[in-house]
Amino acid sequence: LIPITVKRYCFALDLQPDPESIRAYEKHHEAVWPEILQTFEQAGISAMEIYRIEERLFMIMDTEDHFSLEEKAFHDAQNPFVQKWESLMWEYQVALPTAKPNEKWVLMRPIFHWKA
């Protein structure tokens, strides 16, 4: 067996500062569409978690060694389920002030790592 190397990506994004919108956003994530989850597996995403504090979201994404952010974005742009999901989620999301035009989740830079 060949060991699989895991790459980790961390992203940040904000939500609309409205408790009702935040509840709706979290409700959508209790049952993410299976077509969306399938795109994760196909792209080589092995695990994903989203955390929230107030309006700030933090996403951790573990991927297989062959994963490419660029390839995922390319395929997502052509997938009608992803486009519909992203459009729906954008109703609740707010780009970070430092985000580039049309950028939603902003890739975070690691600054500390420790492992026993």
Protein backbone atom coordinates (compact mmCIF):
# COMPACT_ATOMS: atom_id res chain seq x y z
CA LEU A 1 0.00 0.00 0.00
CA ILE A 2 1.13 3.50 -0.83
CA PRO A 3 0.52 5.96 2.03
CA ILE A 4 -1.71 8.92 1.17
CA THR A 5 -0.28 12.31 2.02
CA VAL A 6 -2.81 14.76 3.40
CA LYS A 7 -2.71 18.45 2.58
CA ARG A 8 -4.67 20.82 4.83
CA TYR A 9 -6.22 24.10 3.73
CA CYS A 10 -7.84 26.62 6.05
CA PHE A 11 -10.18 29.37 4.90
CA ALA A 12 -12.13 32.24 6.44
CA LEU A 13 -15.38 33.93 5.42
CA ASP A 14 -18.00 36.06 7.14
CA LEU A 15 -21.76 35.73 7.44
CA GLN A 16 -24.40 38.43 7.30
CA PRO A 17 -24.63 39.97 10.79
CA ASP A 18 -28.18 38.74 11.28
CA PRO A 19 -29.12 35.95 13.75
CA GLU A 20 -31.93 34.67 11.52
CA SER A 21 -29.62 34.41 8.49
CA ILE A 22 -26.98 32.67 10.59
CA ARG A 23 -29.55 30.11 11.79
CA ALA A 24 -30.66 29.50 8.19
CA TYR A 25 -27.05 29.06 7.05
CA GLU A 26 -26.38 26.53 9.79
CA LYS A 27 -29.63 24.70 8.98
CA HIS A 28 -28.50 24.28 5.35
CA HIS A 29 -25.29 22.70 6.63
CA GLU A 30 -27.18 20.10 8.65
CA ALA A 31 -28.10 18.50 5.32
CA VAL A 32 -25.63 19.51 2.61
CA TRP A 33 -26.88 18.31 -0.76
CA PRO A 34 -25.45 14.90 -1.70
CA GLU A 35 -24.40 16.27 -5.10
CA ILE A 36 -22.17 18.78 -3.29
CA LEU A 37 -20.64 16.13 -1.05
CA GLN A 38 -19.97 14.01 -4.13
CA THR A 39 -17.94 16.83 -5.70
CA PHE A 40 -15.76 16.89 -2.56
CA GLU A 41 -14.97 13.18 -2.89
CA GLN A 42 -14.35 13.43 -6.63
CA ALA A 43 -11.91 16.30 -6.13
CA GLY A 44 -9.92 14.49 -3.45
CA ILE A 45 -11.25 16.24 -0.34
CA SER A 46 -11.11 13.69 2.46
CA ALA A 47 -12.53 15.80 5.30
CA MET A 48 -14.06 19.23 5.81
CA GLU A 49 -15.15 21.10 8.91
CA ILE A 50 -16.64 24.58 9.30
CA TYR A 51 -16.53 26.43 12.61
CA ARG A 52 -18.25 29.69 13.52
CA ILE A 53 -17.72 32.43 16.07
CA GLU A 54 -20.24 35.22 15.77
CA GLU A 55 -20.25 36.07 12.04
CA ARG A 56 -16.79 34.65 11.24
CA LEU A 57 -16.51 31.21 9.61
CA PHE A 58 -13.39 29.06 9.62
CA MET A 59 -13.16 26.05 7.29
CA ILE A 60 -10.60 23.26 7.57
CA MET A 61 -10.24 21.08 4.50
CA ASP A 62 -8.05 17.97 4.41
CA THR A 63 -7.25 16.70 0.95
CA GLU A 64 -5.44 13.90 -0.77
CA ASP A 65 -2.07 14.65 -2.31
CA HIS A 66 -3.45 15.02 -5.85
CA PHE A 67 -6.01 17.72 -4.88
CA SER A 68 -5.87 21.03 -6.73
CA LEU A 69 -7.77 24.19 -5.75
CA GLU A 70 -7.65 25.34 -9.36
CA GLU A 71 -9.09 22.08 -10.72
CA LYS A 72 -11.84 22.08 -8.09
CA ALA A 73 -12.78 25.66 -9.02
CA PHE A 74 -12.79 24.77 -12.73
CA HIS A 75 -15.13 21.79 -12.24
CA ASP A 76 -17.35 23.68 -9.78
CA ALA A 77 -17.87 26.46 -12.32
CA GLN A 78 -19.33 23.89 -14.73
CA ASN A 79 -21.49 22.03 -12.20
CA PRO A 80 -25.09 23.32 -11.97
CA PHE A 81 -25.59 21.85 -8.47
CA VAL A 82 -22.49 23.63 -7.16
CA GLN A 83 -23.53 26.88 -8.83
CA LYS A 84 -27.01 26.67 -7.30
CA TRP A 85 -25.59 25.83 -3.84
CA GLU A 86 -23.03 28.65 -4.03
CA SER A 87 -25.69 31.13 -5.11
CA LEU A 88 -27.90 30.05 -2.19
CA MET A 89 -25.02 30.27 0.32
CA TRP A 90 -23.98 33.68 -0.98
CA GLU A 91 -27.31 35.01 0.33
CA TYR A 92 -25.91 34.48 3.85
CA GLN A 93 -22.21 35.15 3.29
CA VAL A 94 -20.14 38.33 3.19
CA ALA A 95 -16.67 38.53 1.66
CA LEU A 96 -13.85 39.48 3.98
CA PRO A 97 -12.64 43.08 3.53
CA THR A 98 -9.34 41.75 2.13
CA ALA A 99 -10.99 39.38 -0.39
CA LYS A 100 -10.27 39.81 -4.07
CA PRO A 101 -13.20 40.50 -6.43
CA ASN A 102 -15.46 37.39 -6.66
CA GLU A 103 -13.49 35.66 -3.88
CA LYS A 104 -15.56 34.07 -1.14
CA TRP A 105 -13.55 31.78 1.11
CA VAL A 106 -10.12 33.34 1.67
CA LEU A 107 -7.19 30.97 2.07
CA MET A 108 -5.43 31.46 5.40
CA ARG A 109 -1.66 31.28 5.84
CA PRO A 110 -0.35 28.94 8.53
CA ILE A 111 1.81 30.65 11.13
CA PHE A 112 2.28 27.95 13.80
CA HIS A 113 2.30 24.16 13.89
CA TRP A 114 3.08 21.79 16.73
CA LYS A 115 2.78 18.03 16.89
CA ALA A 116 3.82 15.65 19.66
